[in-house]
């Protein structure tokens, strides 16, 4: 089971270091999880790349279509009151941005609810450090 934050999930759609690794991890995972906020974060990241000229209009449309098709296959963690309440504690213990705290809280909730080890995948060093301190197994998607 894997949990993907947005920095990891976006690699499936935009070629950057770690793209082939993340695709392999997603393909081989029994279950993939992310927070519902990843939807808005992915859309924003893709739109930013388009505005900055890194993606053509046609390429953006293809990527968005692929993402929309894949989105339902990922188990989406609701941003519940319980998740939000836990972020308050996480941001006091770790130097996290709000969305990162939601991702970490969501991953911890999944691991606790399913009573199963969960691998937390991210390209954000600060978030990975916080996840490791919260006793999650962490992984940075890298190219071989």
Protein backbone atom coordinates (compact mmCIF):
# COMPACT_ATOMS: atom_id res chain seq x y z
CA UNK A 1 0.00 0.00 0.00
CA UNK A 2 1.26 3.43 -0.91
CA UNK A 3 0.27 7.00 -0.14
CA UNK A 4 1.22 9.59 -2.75
CA UNK A 5 1.42 13.27 -2.00
CA UNK A 6 1.01 15.68 -4.91
CA UNK A 7 4.74 16.04 -5.56
CA UNK A 8 4.90 12.29 -6.19
CA UNK A 9 1.60 11.90 -8.04
CA UNK A 10 2.33 14.70 -10.53
CA UNK A 11 5.37 12.74 -11.72
CA UNK A 12 3.05 10.22 -13.33
CA UNK A 13 1.83 12.91 -15.71
CA UNK A 14 4.77 15.27 -16.20
CA UNK A 15 8.20 13.93 -17.08
CA UNK A 16 10.70 14.84 -14.39
CA UNK A 17 13.22 12.93 -12.28
CA UNK A 18 11.38 9.99 -10.73
CA UNK A 19 8.67 9.63 -13.39
CA UNK A 20 9.46 6.05 -14.41
CA UNK A 21 9.92 5.03 -10.77
CA UNK A 22 6.57 6.50 -9.70
CA UNK A 23 4.78 4.82 -12.60
CA UNK A 24 6.31 1.49 -11.57
CA UNK A 25 5.33 2.01 -7.92
CA UNK A 26 1.73 2.87 -8.81
CA UNK A 27 1.47 -0.07 -11.20
CA UNK A 28 2.77 -2.58 -8.65
CA UNK A 29 0.93 -1.25 -5.58
CA UNK A 30 -1.97 -3.24 -4.19
CA UNK A 31 -3.65 0.02 -3.14
CA UNK A 32 -2.81 3.68 -3.79
CA UNK A 33 -4.07 6.51 -1.56
CA UNK A 34 -3.98 10.28 -1.65
CA UNK A 35 -5.93 13.16 -0.15
CA UNK A 36 -8.79 14.70 -2.07
CA UNK A 37 -6.83 17.96 -2.03
CA UNK A 38 -4.40 16.38 -4.50
CA UNK A 39 -7.03 16.89 -7.21
CA UNK A 40 -6.83 20.69 -6.94
CA UNK A 41 -3.07 20.61 -6.40
CA UNK A 42 -2.48 18.50 -9.55
CA UNK A 43 -4.76 20.71 -11.63
CA UNK A 44 -2.93 23.81 -10.35
CA UNK A 45 0.50 22.30 -11.05
CA UNK A 46 -0.48 21.37 -14.60
CA UNK A 47 -2.01 24.80 -15.26
CA UNK A 48 1.15 26.48 -13.95
CA UNK A 49 3.32 24.42 -16.29
CA UNK A 50 1.04 25.41 -19.17
CA UNK A 51 1.19 29.11 -18.25
CA UNK A 52 4.97 28.93 -17.97
CA UNK A 53 5.22 27.38 -21.44
CA UNK A 54 6.37 23.93 -20.30
CA UNK A 55 3.22 22.29 -21.74
CA UNK A 56 1.39 23.01 -24.98
CA UNK A 57 -2.39 23.36 -24.95
CA UNK A 58 -2.76 19.94 -26.63
CA UNK A 59 -0.33 18.26 -24.22
CA UNK A 60 -2.12 19.82 -21.24
CA UNK A 61 -5.47 18.54 -22.52
CA UNK A 62 -4.07 14.99 -22.92
CA UNK A 63 -2.50 15.00 -19.48
CA UNK A 64 -5.66 16.34 -17.82
CA UNK A 65 -7.75 13.68 -19.59
CA UNK A 66 -5.37 10.95 -18.42
CA UNK A 67 -5.39 12.30 -14.87
CA UNK A 68 -9.20 12.50 -14.82
CA UNK A 69 -9.42 8.86 -15.96
CA UNK A 70 -6.90 7.70 -13.35
CA UNK A 71 -8.32 9.75 -10.47
CA UNK A 72 -11.10 7.28 -9.66
CA UNK A 73 -8.58 4.42 -9.37
CA UNK A 74 -6.80 6.13 -6.48
CA UNK A 75 -8.40 5.79 -3.05
CA UNK A 76 -9.14 9.37 -2.03
CA UNK A 77 -9.01 10.32 1.63
CA UNK A 78 -11.68 12.85 2.58
CA UNK A 79 -10.54 15.98 4.38
CA UNK A 80 -12.62 15.19 7.45
CA UNK A 81 -12.79 17.05 10.75
CA UNK A 82 -10.63 14.30 12.24
CA UNK A 83 -7.94 14.80 9.58
CA UNK A 84 -8.06 18.57 10.06
CA UNK A 85 -7.86 18.32 13.86
CA UNK A 86 -4.76 16.14 13.58
CA UNK A 87 -3.05 18.72 11.34
CA UNK A 88 -3.06 21.12 14.30
CA UNK A 89 -0.78 18.73 16.19
CA UNK A 90 1.38 17.96 13.17
CA UNK A 91 2.17 21.60 12.37
CA UNK A 92 3.21 22.17 15.98
CA UNK A 93 5.65 19.24 15.82
CA UNK A 94 6.94 19.75 12.27
CA UNK A 95 7.59 22.76 9.98
CA UNK A 96 4.85 21.87 7.48
CA UNK A 97 2.71 23.91 5.11
CA UNK A 98 -1.04 23.43 5.43
CA UNK A 99 -1.56 21.12 2.45
CA UNK A 100 1.46 19.02 3.45
CA UNK A 101 0.02 18.62 6.95
CA UNK A 102 -3.25 17.42 5.39
CA UNK A 103 -1.35 14.85 3.31
CA UNK A 104 0.59 13.59 6.32
CA UNK A 105 -2.51 13.48 8.51
CA UNK A 106 -4.35 11.58 5.76
CA UNK A 107 -1.56 9.02 5.41
CA UNK A 108 -1.41 8.47 9.17
CA UNK A 109 -5.20 8.06 9.24
CA UNK A 110 -5.07 5.42 6.46
CA UNK A 111 -2.29 3.47 8.18
CA UNK A 112 -4.18 3.52 11.49
CA UNK A 113 -7.59 2.72 9.99
CA UNK A 114 -6.33 -0.20 7.92
CA UNK A 115 -3.80 -1.40 10.52
CA UNK A 116 -1.41 -2.03 7.69
CA UNK A 117 2.05 -0.65 6.85
CA UNK A 118 1.90 2.20 4.39
CA UNK A 119 4.71 3.62 2.29
CA UNK A 120 4.60 7.42 2.13
CA UNK A 121 5.90 8.69 -1.21
CA UNK A 122 6.90 12.31 -1.76
CA UNK A 123 9.59 14.48 -3.33
CA UNK A 124 9.33 17.07 -0.55
CA UNK A 125 12.23 16.67 1.88
CA UNK A 126 10.54 18.52 4.74
CA UNK A 127 7.38 16.45 4.41
CA UNK A 128 9.38 13.21 4.16
CA UNK A 129 11.29 14.08 7.32
CA UNK A 130 8.03 14.75 9.17
CA UNK A 131 6.55 11.48 7.87
CA UNK A 132 9.60 9.54 9.03
CA UNK A 133 9.38 11.17 12.47
CA UNK A 134 5.76 10.05 12.59
CA UNK A 135 7.05 6.51 11.94
CA UNK A 136 5.89 6.11 8.36
CA UNK A 137 8.04 4.25 5.86
CA UNK A 138 9.08 6.91 3.33
CA UNK A 139 10.30 6.84 -0.24
CA UNK A 140 11.54 9.44 -2.72
CA UNK A 141 10.78 8.52 -6.35
CA UNK A 142 14.11 8.48 -8.18
CA UNK A 143 15.39 7.38 -11.54
CA UNK A 144 17.49 4.20 -11.49
